[in-house]
Amino acid sequence: MLTRNKIFSLLLIIGFFFSAVQLYLTPNAVAWMASALAHLVVLISIRMERIPEFDTDFLGILNVTVGLVATIVGLGQWVVSGESGPLAVIVAASALVIWALRETK
């Protein structure tokens, strides 16, 4: 049976690859790179939280910061230059949502 974190990990992998494909299709849209990075950082952080000896207190700050920057970059690039669309903002923000809803210890 799939646990919530395994489902979220799968969604993060999908979000990462979707962002990478969109970056390949529109290389001018930096928002997709930021979105891919946000998904990758959250995925690694969820995996690192399972290590009992590892101090994970700083991961919250890291993930929220990277997720917010990715979302703001997507919004700014959509509004100012029109390179990316609202989908880039939603996909980037999904990394923040997954981080907030993940299972904690």
C-alpha atoms as a PDB file:
ATOM      1  CA  MET A   1       0.000   0.000   0.000  1.00  0.00           C
ATOM      2  CA  LEU A   2       1.229   3.459  -0.800  1.00  0.00           C
ATOM      3  CA  THR A   3       1.821   5.778   2.124  1.00  0.00           C
ATOM      4  CA  ARG A   4       1.201   9.483   1.910  1.00  0.00           C
ATOM      5  CA  ASN A   5       4.914  10.276   1.632  1.00  0.00           C
ATOM      6  CA  LYS A   6       5.345   7.759  -1.201  1.00  0.00           C
ATOM      7  CA  ILE A   7       2.457   9.375  -3.071  1.00  0.00           C
ATOM      8  CA  PHE A   8       3.981  12.798  -2.457  1.00  0.00           C
ATOM      9  CA  SER A   9       7.385  11.533  -3.613  1.00  0.00           C
ATOM     10  CA  LEU A  10       5.796  10.283  -6.815  1.00  0.00           C
ATOM     11  CA  LEU A  11       4.066  13.631  -7.335  1.00  0.00           C
ATOM     12  CA  LEU A  12       7.361  15.443  -6.734  1.00  0.00           C
ATOM     13  CA  ILE A  13       9.117  13.281  -9.326  1.00  0.00           C
ATOM     14  CA  ILE A  14       6.330  13.986 -11.805  1.00  0.00           C
ATOM     15  CA  GLY A  15       6.547  17.717 -11.030  1.00  0.00           C
ATOM     16  CA  PHE A  16      10.307  17.678 -11.499  1.00  0.00           C
ATOM     17  CA  PHE A  17      10.172  15.913 -14.866  1.00  0.00           C
ATOM     18  CA  PHE A  18       7.240  18.033 -16.060  1.00  0.00           C
ATOM     19  CA  SER A  19       9.178  21.191 -15.184  1.00  0.00           C
ATOM     20  CA  ALA A  20      12.303  19.855 -16.886  1.00  0.00           C
ATOM     21  CA  VAL A  21      10.375  19.081 -20.085  1.00  0.00           C
ATOM     22  CA  GLN A  22       8.780  22.527 -20.050  1.00  0.00           C
ATOM     23  CA  LEU A  23      12.218  24.088 -19.543  1.00  0.00           C
ATOM     24  CA  TYR A  24      13.485  22.128 -22.539  1.00  0.00           C
ATOM     25  CA  LEU A  25      10.533  23.329 -24.644  1.00  0.00           C
ATOM     26  CA  THR A  26      10.814  26.974 -23.537  1.00  0.00           C
ATOM     27  CA  PRO A  27      14.430  27.593 -22.468  1.00  0.00           C
ATOM     28  CA  ASN A  28      13.728  31.307 -21.912  1.00  0.00           C
ATOM     29  CA  ALA A  29      11.328  30.515 -19.062  1.00  0.00           C
ATOM     30  CA  VAL A  30      13.507  30.450 -15.952  1.00  0.00           C
ATOM     31  CA  ALA A  31      10.363  29.770 -13.928  1.00  0.00           C
ATOM     32  CA  TRP A  32      10.451  26.135 -15.036  1.00  0.00           C
ATOM     33  CA  MET A  33      14.025  25.748 -13.803  1.00  0.00           C
ATOM     34  CA  ALA A  34      13.060  27.191 -10.436  1.00  0.00           C
ATOM     35  CA  SER A  35      10.048  24.887 -10.300  1.00  0.00           C
ATOM     36  CA  ALA A  36      12.184  21.829 -11.074  1.00  0.00           C
ATOM     37  CA  LEU A  37      14.651  22.863  -8.386  1.00  0.00           C
ATOM     38  CA  ALA A  38      11.880  23.345  -5.818  1.00  0.00           C
ATOM     39  CA  HIS A  39      10.494  19.869  -6.502  1.00  0.00           C
ATOM     40  CA  LEU A  40      13.936  18.296  -6.320  1.00  0.00           C
ATOM     41  CA  VAL A  41      14.794  19.995  -3.016  1.00  0.00           C
ATOM     42  CA  VAL A  42      11.499  18.918  -1.417  1.00  0.00           C
ATOM     43  CA  LEU A  43      11.961  15.351  -2.664  1.00  0.00           C
ATOM     44  CA  ILE A  44      15.459  15.131  -1.189  1.00  0.00           C
ATOM     45  CA  SER A  45      14.284  16.736   2.054  1.00  0.00           C
ATOM     46  CA  ILE A  46      11.438  14.252   2.518  1.00  0.00           C
ATOM     47  CA  ARG A  47      13.935  11.424   2.067  1.00  0.00           C
ATOM     48  CA  MET A  48      16.427  13.017   4.480  1.00  0.00           C
ATOM     49  CA  GLU A  49      13.788  13.381   7.188  1.00  0.00           C
ATOM     50  CA  ARG A  50      13.722   9.592   7.466  1.00  0.00           C
ATOM     51  CA  ILE A  51      17.342   9.490   8.670  1.00  0.00           C
ATOM     52  CA  PRO A  52      17.105   9.517  12.488  1.00  0.00           C
ATOM     53  CA  GLU A  53      20.642  10.839  13.073  1.00  0.00           C
ATOM     54  CA  PHE A  54      20.231  13.736  10.652  1.00  0.00           C
ATOM     55  CA  ASP A  55      19.234  17.135  12.023  1.00  0.00           C
ATOM     56  CA  THR A  56      16.387  18.265   9.772  1.00  0.00           C
ATOM     57  CA  ASP A  57      15.356  21.494  11.492  1.00  0.00           C
ATOM     58  CA  PHE A  58      16.786  23.685   8.728  1.00  0.00           C
ATOM     59  CA  LEU A  59      14.909  21.852   5.960  1.00  0.00           C
ATOM     60  CA  GLY A  60      11.698  23.763   6.599  1.00  0.00           C
ATOM     61  CA  ILE A  61      13.396  27.097   5.995  1.00  0.00           C
ATOM     62  CA  LEU A  62      15.168  25.742   2.914  1.00  0.00           C
ATOM     63  CA  ASN A  63      12.044  24.286   1.316  1.00  0.00           C
ATOM     64  CA  VAL A  64       9.787  27.229   2.027  1.00  0.00           C
ATOM     65  CA  THR A  65      12.400  29.664   0.722  1.00  0.00           C
ATOM     66  CA  VAL A  66      13.062  27.721  -2.496  1.00  0.00           C
ATOM     67  CA  GLY A  67       9.330  27.117  -3.044  1.00  0.00           C
ATOM     68  CA  LEU A  68       8.423  30.763  -2.514  1.00  0.00           C
ATOM     69  CA  VAL A  69      11.190  31.971  -4.810  1.00  0.00           C
ATOM     70  CA  ALA A  70      10.115  29.513  -7.524  1.00  0.00           C
ATOM     71  CA  THR A  71       6.491  30.612  -7.214  1.00  0.00           C
ATOM     72  CA  ILE A  72       7.366  34.321  -7.274  1.00  0.00           C
ATOM     73  CA  VAL A  73       9.723  33.855 -10.245  1.00  0.00           C
ATOM     74  CA  GLY A  74       6.945  32.039 -12.116  1.00  0.00           C
ATOM     75  CA  LEU A  75       4.442  34.755 -11.293  1.00  0.00           C
ATOM     76  CA  GLY A  76       6.846  37.540 -12.214  1.00  0.00           C
ATOM     77  CA  GLN A  77       7.870  35.941 -15.466  1.00  0.00           C
ATOM     78  CA  TRP A  78       4.247  35.328 -16.403  1.00  0.00           C
ATOM     79  CA  VAL A  79       3.079  38.869 -15.575  1.00  0.00           C
ATOM     80  CA  VAL A  80       6.114  40.849 -16.735  1.00  0.00           C
ATOM     81  CA  SER A  81       7.480  39.029 -19.756  1.00  0.00           C
ATOM     82  CA  GLY A  82       4.806  36.476 -20.627  1.00  0.00           C
ATOM     83  CA  GLU A  83       7.407  33.711 -21.026  1.00  0.00           C
ATOM     84  CA  SER A  84       5.643  31.305 -18.708  1.00  0.00           C
ATOM     85  CA  GLY A  85       1.980  31.024 -17.902  1.00  0.00           C
ATOM     86  CA  PRO A  86      -0.138  30.382 -14.844  1.00  0.00           C
ATOM     87  CA  LEU A  87       0.732  26.693 -15.034  1.00  0.00           C
ATOM     88  CA  ALA A  88       4.321  27.493 -14.038  1.00  0.00           C
ATOM     89  CA  VAL A  89       3.055  29.264 -10.934  1.00  0.00           C
ATOM     90  CA  ILE A  90       0.748  26.394  -9.984  1.00  0.00           C
ATOM     91  CA  VAL A  91       3.386  23.717 -10.545  1.00  0.00           C
ATOM     92  CA  ALA A  92       5.970  25.656  -8.512  1.00  0.00           C
ATOM     93  CA  ALA A  93       3.488  26.229  -5.699  1.00  0.00           C
ATOM     94  CA  SER A  94       2.669  22.519  -5.626  1.00  0.00           C
ATOM     95  CA  ALA A  95       6.108  21.858  -4.123  1.00  0.00           C
ATOM     96  CA  LEU A  96       5.175  24.139  -1.215  1.00  0.00           C
ATOM     97  CA  VAL A  97       1.829  22.409  -0.768  1.00  0.00           C
ATOM     98  CA  ILE A  98       3.433  18.967  -0.738  1.00  0.00           C
ATOM     99  CA  TRP A  99       5.999  20.124   1.827  1.00  0.00           C
ATOM    100  CA  ALA A 100       3.223  21.458   4.050  1.00  0.00           C
ATOM    101  CA  LEU A 101       1.097  18.283   3.813  1.00  0.00           C
ATOM    102  CA  ARG A 102       3.875  15.687   4.162  1.00  0.00           C
ATOM    103  CA  GLU A 103       3.965  13.186   7.025  1.00  0.00           C
ATOM    104  CA  THR A 104       6.232  14.283   9.823  1.00  0.00           C
ATOM    105  CA  LYS A 105       7.819  12.257  12.587  1.00  0.00           C
END
